[in-house]
Protein backbone atom coordinates (compact mmCIF):
# COMPACT_ATOMS: atom_id res chain seq x y z
CA MET A 1 0.57 4.55 -16.45
CA TRP A 2 -2.21 6.94 -15.22
CA LYS A 3 -4.90 5.62 -17.72
CA GLN A 4 -4.75 2.11 -16.15
CA ARG A 5 -5.76 3.64 -12.91
CA ILE A 6 -8.91 5.28 -14.26
CA GLN A 7 -12.08 3.39 -14.85
CA VAL A 8 -15.31 4.80 -16.33
CA ILE A 9 -18.50 2.87 -15.48
CA GLN A 10 -22.26 3.40 -15.67
CA GLY A 11 -23.98 2.78 -12.32
CA ASP A 12 -25.03 4.09 -8.96
CA ILE A 13 -22.29 5.79 -6.90
CA THR A 14 -23.87 4.78 -3.57
CA ARG A 15 -23.20 1.07 -4.52
CA GLN A 16 -19.51 1.40 -5.29
CA GLU A 17 -17.06 -0.83 -3.47
CA VAL A 18 -14.34 1.74 -3.10
CA GLU A 19 -12.76 3.36 -0.01
CA ALA A 20 -14.42 6.77 -0.70
CA ILE A 21 -17.04 8.11 -2.86
CA VAL A 22 -17.30 11.85 -3.75
CA ASN A 23 -20.50 13.69 -3.09
CA ALA A 24 -21.56 16.54 -5.41
CA ALA A 25 -22.81 18.50 -2.42
CA ASN A 26 -24.34 21.91 -1.91
CA GLU A 27 -22.65 24.47 0.37
CA SER A 28 -24.76 23.48 3.45
CA LEU A 29 -23.59 19.77 3.18
CA LEU A 30 -27.15 19.00 4.48
CA GLY A 31 -28.35 17.03 1.55
CA GLY A 32 -30.17 17.94 -1.68
CA GLY A 33 -31.26 16.49 -4.85
CA GLY A 34 -29.41 14.30 -7.38
CA VAL A 35 -26.20 12.61 -6.23
CA ASP A 36 -26.24 14.50 -3.07
CA GLY A 37 -29.84 13.29 -2.04
CA ALA A 38 -28.93 9.67 -3.10
CA ILE A 39 -25.84 9.51 -1.00
CA HIS A 40 -27.57 11.00 2.09
CA ARG A 41 -30.43 8.46 1.76
CA ALA A 42 -28.14 5.54 1.28
CA ALA A 43 -25.80 6.51 4.14
CA GLY A 44 -28.58 7.18 6.62
CA PRO A 45 -29.16 9.85 9.23
CA GLU A 46 -25.76 9.50 10.77
CA LEU A 47 -24.24 11.25 7.72
CA LEU A 48 -26.53 14.27 8.06
CA ALA A 49 -25.72 14.47 11.71
CA GLU A 50 -21.91 14.49 11.01
CA CYS A 51 -22.40 16.95 8.18
CA ARG A 52 -24.13 19.33 10.58
CA THR A 53 -20.86 19.58 12.58
CA LEU A 54 -18.77 20.67 9.56
CA GLY A 55 -20.15 24.20 9.08
CA GLY A 56 -20.75 23.96 5.43
CA CYS A 57 -18.32 23.97 2.57
CA PRO A 58 -17.33 26.74 0.08
CA THR A 59 -17.50 26.05 -3.60
CA GLY A 60 -14.40 24.32 -4.88
CA GLU A 61 -13.51 22.92 -1.49
CA ALA A 62 -13.89 19.54 -0.01
CA LYS A 63 -14.66 17.93 3.43
CA ILE A 64 -14.78 14.42 4.54
CA THR A 65 -17.08 12.32 6.64
CA GLN A 66 -17.61 8.63 7.41
CA GLY A 67 -19.66 6.56 4.95
CA TYR A 68 -22.04 5.05 7.50
CA GLY A 69 -24.55 2.88 5.54
CA LEU A 70 -22.57 3.02 2.32
CA LEU A 71 -20.15 0.29 1.17
CA ALA A 72 -17.61 3.10 1.05
CA GLN A 73 -15.82 3.95 4.30
CA TRP A 74 -15.60 7.59 3.49
CA VAL A 75 -17.66 10.30 1.70
CA ILE A 76 -15.78 13.33 0.40
CA HIS A 77 -18.13 16.21 -0.08
CA THR A 78 -17.30 18.80 -2.60
CA VAL A 79 -19.27 21.73 -3.86
CA GLY A 80 -19.18 22.29 -7.58
CA PRO A 81 -19.94 25.61 -9.20
CA VAL A 82 -23.37 26.51 -10.51
CA TRP A 83 -22.90 27.20 -14.26
CA GLN A 84 -23.48 30.97 -14.99
CA GLY A 85 -22.29 31.04 -18.56
CA GLY A 86 -18.56 30.44 -17.90
CA GLN A 87 -17.63 33.93 -16.88
CA HIS A 88 -17.53 33.41 -13.10
CA HIS A 89 -14.53 31.10 -12.79
CA GLU A 90 -16.58 28.01 -13.04
CA GLU A 91 -13.93 25.98 -14.77
CA ALA A 92 -11.23 26.75 -12.15
CA LEU A 93 -13.70 26.00 -9.30
CA LEU A 94 -14.65 22.69 -10.88
CA ALA A 95 -10.90 21.81 -11.26
CA SER A 96 -10.50 22.70 -7.54
CA CYS A 97 -13.25 20.21 -6.61
CA TYR A 98 -11.38 17.35 -8.18
CA ARG A 99 -8.01 18.43 -6.90
CA ASN A 100 -9.16 19.12 -3.36
CA SER A 101 -11.03 15.82 -3.30
CA LEU A 102 -8.01 13.84 -4.36
CA ALA A 103 -5.77 15.66 -1.83
CA LEU A 104 -8.12 14.90 0.91
CA ALA A 105 -8.14 11.19 -0.16
CA LEU A 106 -4.48 11.22 -0.06
CA THR A 107 -4.24 12.73 3.46
CA HIS A 108 -6.63 9.94 4.61
CA SER A 109 -4.65 7.15 2.87
CA ILE A 110 -7.55 6.35 0.58
CA ARG A 111 -6.38 4.31 -2.42
CA THR A 112 -9.60 3.85 -4.34
CA ILE A 113 -12.10 6.69 -5.02
CA ALA A 114 -15.37 7.15 -7.13
CA PHE A 115 -16.44 10.44 -8.61
CA PRO A 116 -19.85 11.53 -10.04
CA ALA A 117 -19.91 14.04 -12.88
CA ILE A 118 -19.65 17.01 -10.50
CA SER A 119 -21.80 20.11 -11.48
CA ALA A 120 -22.95 18.44 -14.70
CA GLY A 121 -26.47 17.75 -13.38
CA VAL A 122 -28.77 20.30 -11.68
CA TYR A 123 -25.87 22.79 -11.44
CA GLY A 124 -25.99 23.02 -15.27
CA PHE A 125 -22.24 22.79 -16.09
CA PRO A 126 -22.03 21.69 -19.73
CA LEU A 127 -21.02 18.03 -19.68
CA GLU A 128 -18.81 18.55 -22.83
CA ARG A 129 -16.80 21.12 -20.88
CA ALA A 130 -16.89 19.49 -17.43
CA THR A 131 -15.63 16.03 -18.52
CA PRO A 132 -12.17 17.09 -19.92
CA ILE A 133 -11.63 19.21 -16.78
CA ALA A 134 -12.37 16.20 -14.52
CA LEU A 135 -10.13 13.79 -16.51
CA LYS A 136 -7.24 16.20 -16.95
CA VAL A 137 -7.10 17.09 -13.26
CA VAL A 138 -7.23 13.39 -12.31
CA GLN A 139 -4.53 12.69 -14.98
CA ALA A 140 -2.23 15.30 -13.56
CA PHE A 141 -2.78 14.10 -10.06
CA LEU A 142 -2.10 10.42 -10.82
CA ASN A 143 1.01 11.49 -12.60
CA GLU A 144 2.27 13.03 -9.45
CA GLN A 145 0.99 10.61 -6.86
CA SER A 146 1.23 6.87 -6.89
CA GLU A 147 -0.71 6.25 -3.63
CA ILE A 148 -4.16 6.46 -5.25
CA GLU A 149 -4.54 3.12 -7.04
CA GLN A 150 -7.95 3.64 -8.72
CA VAL A 151 -10.12 6.59 -9.70
CA ARG A 152 -13.55 5.48 -10.88
CA PHE A 153 -15.90 7.81 -12.66
CA VAL A 154 -19.46 6.60 -12.02
CA CYS A 155 -21.82 7.76 -14.74
CA PHE A 156 -25.53 7.75 -14.02
CA SER A 157 -26.80 7.97 -17.70
CA ASP A 158 -25.81 6.63 -21.06
CA ARG A 159 -24.90 10.20 -22.29
CA VAL A 160 -22.45 10.85 -19.33
CA TYR A 161 -20.97 7.47 -19.76
CA ALA A 162 -20.48 7.92 -23.50
CA THR A 163 -19.01 11.35 -22.97
CA TYR A 164 -16.48 10.23 -20.39
CA GLN A 165 -15.42 7.19 -22.44
CA SER A 166 -14.98 9.33 -25.50
CA VAL A 167 -12.95 12.01 -23.71
CA LEU A 168 -10.76 9.48 -21.95
CA GLU A 169 -10.12 7.51 -25.17
CA ALA A 170 -8.98 10.85 -26.78
CA MET A 171 -6.43 11.60 -24.13
């Protein structure tokens, strides 16, 4: 069952013992604030050097690099939408972030992956709208694919953790 392959925890995504962590990146892929900055700091300068070779990443898409100084072997960088009131395809773009990240994991034979709450921080996407999108996309993907064994949602704050737990329990 798909629910047994989803885990919601509170913690630091840079310290997860999974094969890949997902970075809520900006379009340049060259580091920033929040999760993006934390991942770049933890991975070390080699991550930035590899990201410079990728030519950026459009919103909703995903690209992969090595993990360098992280416990995770891989970093999947995805660019979530900046919330602009919901009239600029933000929900579809956010869903694409999760779908494209999972598809990239599949093509690299990644079995365990950890996600942050993409776009729900500095990009201003309302957490109560972002969380069901994330969980429904992952549910649909896991129903179709058995190769990914665990999807972990790593929540930085009490509020994010409680929201993810509540939405998951209601599904």
